[in-house]
């Protein structure tokens, strides 16, 4: 389900067909550090909600052993993803595809992946959509594959700063079904689907990277 929300990066500037989100520029270095410690060295990688596309070109450069598949729910974002790929070509970067990871069964037509990664998605979807995303990821990961979820989370049901509380409230005012998810509840949800929690990495600006692994068969 595409939601037209007012977000901090809603006014992302454009350079031709490329859009540039400030948050993506700010968090890419920290994300690359964590992926460097936890991502597999080779195989197939899927990014859900690639957005502007400015980050996945960096992933493709930083992890040449992984074959990266960008995706997004919004056809308009695919235009920007393609433009970034033209500006930063990489042999391990695939053509972006439309995926609504909040729709039950979204994974059925896809081949398995060794890494699934998403940035700033869970707080923008409902609990039901989060459940569909979780089930799809659990089904789609190869044994030994990793799942990395980056974003803002509640901790023990509470926001970690006044700014996070205000942003969460603004999301819920726009759509009562969305908003920050509790980190502990997210971990429990994915564990119930058979994924093992490997790490909860503190990231800049009160964000977290939750890392899971599908046990080897």
Foldseek 3Di string as FASTA:
>chain_A
DDDDADDPQPVFDDDVLAGDGPVCVVFLVVVLVVCVVDADLAWEEEEEACARLQRVLVVCVSRVRYQYEYEYQDPSSLSSNVVNCVVRPHPSYDRYYYFQQLDAPSQVVDAATQEYEYEADQQLAAPSSLLSNLLNNLVRHAAFGKYKYKDAAAEPNHHPDPVLVVNQVSSCVSPVRGGHYHPVVSQVSNVVSQWAWDDWAQGPPRMTITMTGHHHD
